[in-house]
Protein backbone atom coordinates (compact mmCIF):
# COMPACT_ATOMS: atom_id res chain seq x y z
CA UNK A 1 1.99 8.21 6.02
CA UNK A 2 -0.63 5.21 5.69
CA UNK A 3 -0.54 2.02 7.42
CA UNK A 4 -2.53 -0.87 6.95
CA UNK A 5 -3.55 -2.52 10.26
CA UNK A 6 -3.36 -6.51 10.76
CA UNK A 7 -4.90 -8.66 13.23
CA UNK A 8 -7.54 -11.05 14.50
CA UNK A 9 -10.93 -9.81 13.45
CA UNK A 10 -12.90 -11.52 16.00
CA UNK A 11 -10.89 -10.19 18.88
CA UNK A 12 -8.42 -6.84 18.49
CA UNK A 13 -5.95 -5.76 21.25
CA UNK A 14 -3.41 -3.53 20.62
CA UNK A 15 -0.84 -6.63 21.43
CA UNK A 16 -2.37 -8.30 18.55
CA UNK A 17 -2.39 -6.06 15.87
CA UNK A 18 0.46 -5.03 13.14
CA UNK A 19 0.98 -1.95 11.48
CA UNK A 20 2.75 -2.02 8.23
CA UNK A 21 3.85 1.03 6.28
CA UNK A 22 2.58 1.55 3.03
CA UNK A 23 5.84 2.90 1.13
CA UNK A 24 9.10 1.64 -0.11
CA UNK A 25 11.30 -0.53 2.17
CA UNK A 26 14.66 1.46 1.84
CA UNK A 27 16.35 -1.13 4.32
CA UNK A 28 15.40 -3.94 2.36
CA UNK A 29 17.52 -2.21 -0.56
CA UNK A 30 20.35 -1.69 1.86
CA UNK A 31 20.54 -4.87 3.54
CA UNK A 32 18.43 -7.63 1.82
CA UNK A 33 19.33 -10.52 4.28
CA UNK A 34 18.73 -8.48 7.28
CA UNK A 35 15.73 -7.06 6.55
CA UNK A 36 14.49 -10.29 5.56
CA UNK A 37 15.19 -12.36 8.70
CA UNK A 38 13.73 -9.21 10.63
CA UNK A 39 10.60 -9.62 9.09
CA UNK A 40 10.68 -13.85 9.08
CA UNK A 41 10.38 -14.19 5.55
CA UNK A 42 12.06 -17.21 5.54
CA UNK A 43 11.62 -18.47 2.12
CA UNK A 44 12.21 -15.11 0.08
CA UNK A 45 15.72 -15.26 2.48
CA UNK A 46 16.42 -18.77 0.68
CA UNK A 47 15.50 -17.55 -2.75
CA UNK A 48 18.02 -14.43 -2.03
CA UNK A 49 21.04 -16.71 -0.67
CA UNK A 50 20.63 -19.07 -3.89
CA UNK A 51 20.19 -16.16 -6.40
CA UNK A 52 23.52 -14.43 -4.17
CA UNK A 53 24.88 -18.10 -4.61
CA UNK A 54 24.09 -18.25 -8.38
CA UNK A 55 25.73 -14.69 -9.50
CA UNK A 56 28.66 -15.44 -7.15
CA UNK A 57 29.25 -18.55 -9.48
CA UNK A 58 28.66 -16.40 -12.44
CA UNK A 59 31.34 -13.70 -11.29
CA UNK A 60 33.86 -16.22 -11.79
CA UNK A 61 33.50 -16.53 -15.48
CA UNK A 62 33.89 -14.18 -17.95
CA UNK A 63 30.59 -12.57 -17.49
CA UNK A 64 31.56 -11.00 -14.12
CA UNK A 65 30.31 -7.57 -15.31
CA UNK A 66 26.46 -9.27 -15.78
CA UNK A 67 26.72 -10.71 -12.49
CA UNK A 68 27.73 -7.77 -10.54
CA UNK A 69 24.71 -5.93 -12.44
CA UNK A 70 22.47 -8.85 -11.53
CA UNK A 71 23.28 -9.06 -7.89
CA UNK A 72 21.33 -5.54 -7.38
CA UNK A 73 18.13 -7.08 -8.39
CA UNK A 74 17.08 -9.00 -5.18
CA UNK A 75 17.46 -5.75 -3.32
CA UNK A 76 15.46 -3.29 -5.56
CA UNK A 77 12.75 -6.14 -6.08
CA UNK A 78 12.58 -6.09 -1.98
CA UNK A 79 13.09 -2.26 -1.67
CA UNK A 80 9.56 -2.05 -4.13
CA UNK A 81 7.57 -4.91 -3.21
CA UNK A 82 8.82 -6.01 0.49
CA UNK A 83 6.22 -4.55 2.10
CA UNK A 84 3.65 -6.73 0.41
CA UNK A 85 5.64 -9.70 1.15
CA UNK A 86 5.29 -8.81 4.60
CA UNK A 87 1.54 -8.24 4.02
CA UNK A 88 1.12 -11.85 2.32
CA UNK A 89 3.03 -13.27 5.33
CA UNK A 90 0.63 -11.78 7.69
CA UNK A 91 -2.27 -12.93 6.02
CA UNK A 92 -0.88 -16.47 5.90
CA UNK A 93 -0.53 -16.69 9.60
CA UNK A 94 -4.34 -15.86 10.16
CA UNK A 95 -3.89 -12.02 10.31
CA UNK A 96 -6.05 -10.24 8.18
CA UNK A 97 -6.51 -6.68 7.14
CA UNK A 98 -8.77 -4.90 9.75
CA UNK A 99 -8.03 -1.02 8.76
CA UNK A 100 -6.52 1.62 6.97
CA UNK A 101 -5.00 4.57 8.87
CA UNK A 102 -2.97 7.44 8.56
CA UNK A 103 -0.54 8.23 11.15
CA UNK A 104 3.23 9.35 11.70
CA UNK A 105 4.25 5.95 13.32
CA UNK A 106 3.39 2.44 14.15
CA UNK A 107 2.35 2.91 17.34
CA UNK A 108 0.39 5.87 16.34
CA UNK A 109 -1.67 3.74 13.55
CA UNK A 110 -2.31 1.25 15.93
CA UNK A 111 -3.73 3.49 18.37
CA UNK A 112 -6.04 5.30 15.98
CA UNK A 113 -7.24 2.32 14.71
CA UNK A 114 -8.41 0.99 18.07
CA UNK A 115 -9.71 4.78 18.94
CA UNK A 116 -11.80 4.05 15.61
CA UNK A 117 -13.11 0.74 16.64
CA UNK A 118 -14.19 1.86 19.91
CA UNK A 119 -16.08 4.37 18.63
CA UNK A 120 -17.21 2.49 16.05
CA UNK A 121 -16.79 4.79 13.37
CA UNK A 122 -16.56 2.81 9.80
CA UNK A 123 -15.11 4.48 7.01
CA UNK A 124 -18.55 4.89 5.20
CA UNK A 125 -19.93 6.89 8.44
CA UNK A 126 -16.12 9.12 8.17
CA UNK A 127 -16.90 9.72 4.45
CA UNK A 128 -20.89 10.75 5.01
CA UNK A 129 -19.87 13.08 7.99
CA UNK A 130 -17.12 14.61 5.95
CA UNK A 131 -19.53 15.24 2.70
CA UNK A 132 -22.38 16.59 5.17
CA UNK A 133 -19.75 19.15 6.82
CA UNK A 134 -18.68 19.89 2.88
CA UNK A 135 -22.39 20.53 1.85
CA UNK A 136 -23.28 23.01 4.78
CA UNK A 137 -19.82 24.77 4.15
CA UNK A 138 -20.81 25.46 0.25
CA UNK A 139 -17.90 23.44 -0.69
CA UNK A 140 -19.87 20.55 -1.53
CA UNK A 141 -22.16 21.87 -3.72
CA UNK A 142 -22.50 20.41 -7.27
CA UNK A 143 -21.25 22.70 -9.97
CA UNK A 144 -24.14 23.73 -12.60
CA UNK A 145 -24.23 23.22 -16.06
CA UNK A 146 -24.39 26.48 -18.22
CA UNK A 147 -27.37 26.44 -20.61
CA UNK A 148 -26.40 25.16 -24.02
CA UNK A 149 -28.53 26.38 -27.27
CA UNK A 150 -29.25 23.08 -29.49
CA UNK A 151 -29.39 25.14 -32.44
CA UNK A 152 -27.04 23.80 -34.82
CA UNK A 153 -24.38 23.03 -32.12
CA UNK A 154 -21.51 20.81 -33.63
CA UNK A 155 -18.84 19.95 -30.97
CA UNK A 156 -17.54 16.42 -30.95
CA UNK A 157 -18.48 13.54 -33.16
CA UNK A 158 -22.35 13.86 -33.29
CA UNK A 159 -24.36 17.09 -34.08
CA UNK A 160 -27.19 18.06 -31.53
CA UNK A 161 -29.71 19.12 -34.35
CA UNK A 162 -32.87 17.89 -34.13
CA UNK A 163 -35.06 16.88 -36.85
């Protein structure tokens, strides 16, 4: 799973880092108010309660079926966009994006980020090392183009005939 690591760019201690998974938030679909409270997203929680009050008021009218259908909208929205709301909240608190890591869980993601920072391995250095290894093994060779004759080839929109 991919995690975004958020923290203070100047001083990065493992206690100050937060790992946010790059996936859907299933608990936000099942129990939106609890998920919002756990992540301390107070403004979205306020809007959630206002929406619930509105749909409750509509359920007392002949449009109760519409109210029932609309009651799932906040949960579905939080299921799809809940992690992004949490990332924006962290950014507003001053915790900026300091890394992206692949790991099995949050603790391992923070540990991998800290190891990468201690070894001072930037993503571009990792990419260059991977490219060099692929080139040595023969996997990174560019494909050669076969020779094409230019005599009257009419493929595509433009001809390649020379006058």
